[in-house]
Each structure stands twice: as structure tokens, then as C-alpha cells.
C-alpha atoms as a PDB file:
ATOM      1  CA  MET A   1       0.359  -0.132  -0.244  1.00  0.00           C
ATOM      2  CA  SER A   2       1.041   3.480  -0.924  1.00  0.00           C
ATOM      3  CA  ASN A   3       0.343   6.763   0.337  1.00  0.00           C
ATOM      4  CA  VAL A   4      -1.861   9.105  -1.812  1.00  0.00           C
ATOM      5  CA  PHE A   5      -2.660  12.466  -0.907  1.00  0.00           C
ATOM      6  CA  VAL A   6      -5.935  14.155  -1.478  1.00  0.00           C
ATOM      7  CA  GLU A   7      -5.337  17.377  -2.759  1.00  0.00           C
ATOM      8  CA  PRO A   8      -8.745  19.720  -2.715  1.00  0.00           C
ATOM      9  CA  LEU A   9      -8.603  21.794  -5.837  1.00  0.00           C
ATOM     10  CA  PRO A  10      -8.397  24.087  -7.498  1.00  0.00           C
ATOM     11  CA  LYS A  11      -4.877  24.233  -5.554  1.00  0.00           C
ATOM     12  CA  GLY A  12      -2.725  27.237  -4.264  1.00  0.00           C
ATOM     13  CA  SER A  13      -6.490  29.273  -3.529  1.00  0.00           C
ATOM     14  CA  SER A  14      -7.939  30.695  -0.631  1.00  0.00           C
ATOM     15  CA  ALA A  15     -11.125  29.751  -1.542  1.00  0.00           C
ATOM     16  CA  ALA A  16     -13.341  27.037  -0.889  1.00  0.00           C
ATOM     17  CA  ALA A  17     -12.499  23.022  -1.973  1.00  0.00           C
ATOM     18  CA  THR A  18     -14.829  22.604  -5.831  1.00  0.00           C
ATOM     19  CA  SER A  19     -12.964  18.951  -5.883  1.00  0.00           C
ATOM     20  CA  TYR A  20     -10.363  16.597  -4.560  1.00  0.00           C
ATOM     21  CA  ALA A  21      -8.142  14.646  -6.386  1.00  0.00           C
ATOM     22  CA  LEU A  22      -5.670  12.237  -5.570  1.00  0.00           C
ATOM     23  CA  GLU A  23      -2.075  12.637  -6.217  1.00  0.00           C
ATOM     24  CA  TYR A  24       0.802  10.476  -5.385  1.00  0.00           C
ATOM     25  CA  ALA A  25       4.348  12.395  -3.495  1.00  0.00           C
ATOM     26  CA  HIS A  26       5.518  13.297  -6.702  1.00  0.00           C
ATOM     27  CA  GLY A  27       2.301  15.173  -8.469  1.00  0.00           C
ATOM     28  CA  ALA A  28       1.196  12.540 -10.664  1.00  0.00           C
ATOM     29  CA  SER A  29      -2.600  11.976 -10.731  1.00  0.00           C
ATOM     30  CA  VAL A  30      -3.854   8.823  -9.381  1.00  0.00           C
ATOM     31  CA  THR A  31      -7.007   8.403 -11.183  1.00  0.00           C
ATOM     32  CA  GLY A  32      -6.961  11.317 -13.778  1.00  0.00           C
ATOM     33  CA  ARG A  33     -10.122  12.424 -12.101  1.00  0.00           C
ATOM     34  CA  GLU A  34     -11.655  14.832  -9.993  1.00  0.00           C
ATOM     35  CA  TYR A  35     -13.751  13.714  -6.622  1.00  0.00           C
ATOM     36  CA  PRO A  36     -16.928  16.363  -5.835  1.00  0.00           C
ATOM     37  CA  THR A  37     -15.964  15.480  -2.000  1.00  0.00           C
ATOM     38  CA  GLN A  38     -13.424  14.424  -0.348  1.00  0.00           C
ATOM     39  CA  GLN A  39     -14.916  11.429   1.107  1.00  0.00           C
ATOM     40  CA  GLN A  40     -15.180   9.528  -2.330  1.00  0.00           C
ATOM     41  CA  ALA A  41     -11.381  10.702  -3.343  1.00  0.00           C
ATOM     42  CA  ILE A  42     -10.763   8.890   0.100  1.00  0.00           C
ATOM     43  CA  ASN A  43     -13.029   5.668  -0.731  1.00  0.00           C
ATOM     44  CA  ALA A  44     -11.510   5.594  -4.667  1.00  0.00           C
ATOM     45  CA  ALA A  45      -7.728   5.039  -2.948  1.00  0.00           C
ATOM     46  CA  ARG A  46      -8.884   2.906  -0.582  1.00  0.00           C
ATOM     47  CA  GLN A  47     -10.170   0.744  -3.438  1.00  0.00           C
ATOM     48  CA  LEU A  48      -7.022   0.886  -5.285  1.00  0.00           C
ATOM     49  CA  GLY A  49      -5.384  -0.269  -2.374  1.00  0.00           C
ATOM     50  CA  HIS A  50      -3.918   3.338  -1.086  1.00  0.00           C
ATOM     51  CA  ARG A  51      -3.681   4.626   2.297  1.00  0.00           C
ATOM     52  CA  PRO A  52      -4.773   8.151   1.762  1.00  0.00           C
ATOM     53  CA  LEU A  53      -3.508  11.337   3.340  1.00  0.00           C
ATOM     54  CA  VAL A  54      -5.705  14.232   3.539  1.00  0.00           C
ATOM     55  CA  ALA A  55      -4.526  17.522   3.888  1.00  0.00           C
ATOM     56  CA  ARG A  56      -4.428  19.524   7.610  1.00  0.00           C
ATOM     57  CA  VAL A  57      -3.926  23.271   5.963  1.00  0.00           C
ATOM     58  CA  ARG A  58      -5.025  24.609   2.739  1.00  0.00           C
ATOM     59  CA  ASN A  59      -1.773  25.594   0.563  1.00  0.00           C
ATOM     60  CA  THR A  60      -0.055  21.907   1.426  1.00  0.00           C
ATOM     61  CA  ASP A  61       3.667  20.657   0.604  1.00  0.00           C
ATOM     62  CA  LYS A  62       3.821  17.186   0.312  1.00  0.00           C
ATOM     63  CA  GLY A  63       7.228  17.093   2.026  1.00  0.00           C
ATOM     64  CA  ASN A  64       5.830  18.466   5.057  1.00  0.00           C
ATOM     65  CA  PRO A  65       4.373  15.671   7.271  1.00  0.00           C
ATOM     66  CA  ASP A  66       2.383  18.069   9.420  1.00  0.00           C
ATOM     67  CA  HIS A  67       0.530  19.091   6.591  1.00  0.00           C
ATOM     68  CA  TRP A  68      -1.004  15.613   6.208  1.00  0.00           C
ATOM     69  CA  ARG A  69      -2.983  12.871   8.220  1.00  0.00           C
ATOM     70  CA  ALA A  70      -4.620   9.520   7.328  1.00  0.00           C
ATOM     71  CA  ALA A  71      -7.687   9.634   6.575  1.00  0.00           C
END
């Protein structure tokens, strides 16, 4: 099982998240699609056998473990 990141979209914006994407640590998309809710993204990651990590902060850095928590 590898970690995947549930990224809020749009990235780098202070606006509310409108959707979520699953990404690997190097930024590549896991599924190539956006999910309307964070829970749907988490469920998809689990079905694929990954460990989803969700953001603790709005502007995330995948290299900073303080920005993420296990879903």
C-alpha cells in the first residue's frame, strides 16, 4: 500500500475547495479524475489499495508531514 494525497482543488487558492484529486507524492494523478467530495476521493483511494492522506492546511506541501493526516 502506498500513500496517496487527497488534494483540494483549486490548488494554491484561498477559495473553498470545489473538488478533490488523488495524487502521488511526485504530483502525478492516481486516477486522472476529480471527485466532488473528499470522502469519495478517500473511498476511491482505499478501493485501489492505497492509504489516503488528507490535508490539514489549505496550501499543502507533500514533503511536510505536518500538512497531512491519515484519513
